[in-house]
Amino acid sequence: MTSEVQDYGSVNWKGRSLDGIVVKTTVKVASAERGEYKDECFLFGAVVDYEFQMMRDPYESKCDADTSAQWAIGHELKSLWVAY
């Protein structure tokens, strides 16, 4: 299993600026019956609320779904991710 930050930044949570993060996780699945390996990819996201010490509005989806973009737009994610 491998995990990496896909995106992070600040989000608008009920008028408060909080941290948001999206993590991409790839799991290698072995099928003994088929004699093969398959990679499954998932995205996980959440709003981090340090003041109340909780994760808000968590979500998970397959990597091929558009859920991550919808979640980011819905929370007004201002990305701080810098890709080189």
Protein backbone atom coordinates (compact mmCIF):
# COMPACT_ATOMS: atom_id res chain seq x y z
CA MET A 1 0.00 0.00 0.00
CA THR A 2 1.23 3.49 -0.83
CA SER A 3 -0.27 6.81 0.15
CA GLU A 4 0.58 10.32 -0.97
CA VAL A 5 -0.89 13.78 -0.55
CA GLN A 6 -2.90 14.61 -3.67
CA ASP A 7 -3.81 18.16 -2.63
CA TYR A 8 -4.07 20.32 0.47
CA GLY A 9 -4.90 23.90 1.35
CA SER A 10 -7.42 26.06 3.15
CA VAL A 11 -11.15 25.50 2.95
CA ASN A 12 -14.16 27.56 3.96
CA TRP A 13 -16.05 25.78 6.75
CA LYS A 14 -19.05 27.83 7.85
CA GLY A 15 -17.14 31.08 7.50
CA ARG A 16 -13.97 29.73 9.12
CA SER A 17 -10.72 29.06 7.27
CA LEU A 18 -9.62 25.50 8.06
CA ASP A 19 -7.11 23.06 6.61
CA GLY A 20 -8.27 20.55 4.00
CA ILE A 21 -6.41 17.54 2.65
CA VAL A 22 -6.90 14.93 -0.08
CA VAL A 23 -4.82 11.73 0.10
CA LYS A 24 -4.43 9.18 -2.70
CA THR A 25 -3.93 5.56 -1.58
CA THR A 26 -3.06 2.65 -3.86
CA VAL A 27 -3.58 -0.89 -2.56
CA LYS A 28 -2.12 -3.92 -4.31
CA VAL A 29 -4.69 -6.73 -4.15
CA ALA A 30 -3.71 -10.37 -4.74
CA SER A 31 -6.26 -12.80 -6.18
CA ALA A 32 -5.18 -16.39 -5.49
CA GLU A 33 -8.02 -17.78 -7.62
CA ARG A 34 -7.01 -15.75 -10.67
CA GLY A 35 -3.28 -15.85 -9.99
CA GLU A 36 -2.91 -12.12 -10.52
CA TYR A 37 -2.36 -8.81 -8.79
CA LYS A 38 -4.50 -5.73 -9.22
CA ASP A 39 -4.01 -2.15 -8.02
CA GLU A 40 -7.01 -0.44 -6.44
CA CYS A 41 -6.84 3.34 -6.05
CA PHE A 42 -8.82 5.43 -3.54
CA LEU A 43 -9.03 9.11 -2.60
CA PHE A 44 -9.67 10.24 0.97
CA GLY A 45 -10.37 13.81 2.00
CA ALA A 46 -11.26 15.71 5.15
CA VAL A 47 -11.41 19.13 6.74
CA VAL A 48 -9.12 19.38 9.77
CA ASP A 49 -10.64 21.40 12.61
CA TYR A 50 -7.91 21.90 15.22
CA GLU A 51 -10.04 24.21 17.38
CA PHE A 52 -12.65 21.49 18.02
CA GLN A 53 -10.16 18.62 17.55
CA MET A 54 -12.06 16.73 14.87
CA MET A 55 -12.09 15.80 11.21
CA ARG A 56 -15.06 17.28 9.37
CA ASP A 57 -16.82 16.17 6.20
CA PRO A 58 -14.65 13.13 5.42
CA TYR A 59 -15.13 11.40 2.09
CA GLU A 60 -13.73 8.49 0.16
CA SER A 61 -14.02 7.51 -3.48
CA LYS A 62 -12.37 5.51 -6.21
CA CYS A 63 -9.68 7.45 -8.07
CA ASP A 64 -11.63 7.39 -11.31
CA ALA A 65 -14.60 9.19 -9.71
CA ASP A 66 -15.01 12.97 -9.85
CA THR A 67 -15.81 13.17 -6.13
CA SER A 68 -12.49 14.82 -5.22
CA ALA A 69 -13.03 17.79 -7.55
CA GLN A 70 -16.64 18.21 -6.37
CA TRP A 71 -15.53 18.09 -2.71
CA ALA A 72 -12.76 20.67 -3.34
CA ILE A 73 -15.12 23.04 -5.20
CA GLY A 74 -17.86 22.64 -2.58
CA HIS A 75 -15.43 23.59 0.19
CA GLU A 76 -13.79 26.41 -1.80
CA LEU A 77 -10.39 24.69 -1.48
CA LYS A 78 -7.57 27.15 -2.04
CA SER A 79 -4.80 24.76 -2.95
CA LEU A 80 -1.34 25.22 -1.48
CA TRP A 81 0.01 22.29 -3.47
CA VAL A 82 3.05 23.23 -5.54
CA ALA A 83 4.00 20.73 -8.24
CA TYR A 84 7.37 20.81 -9.96
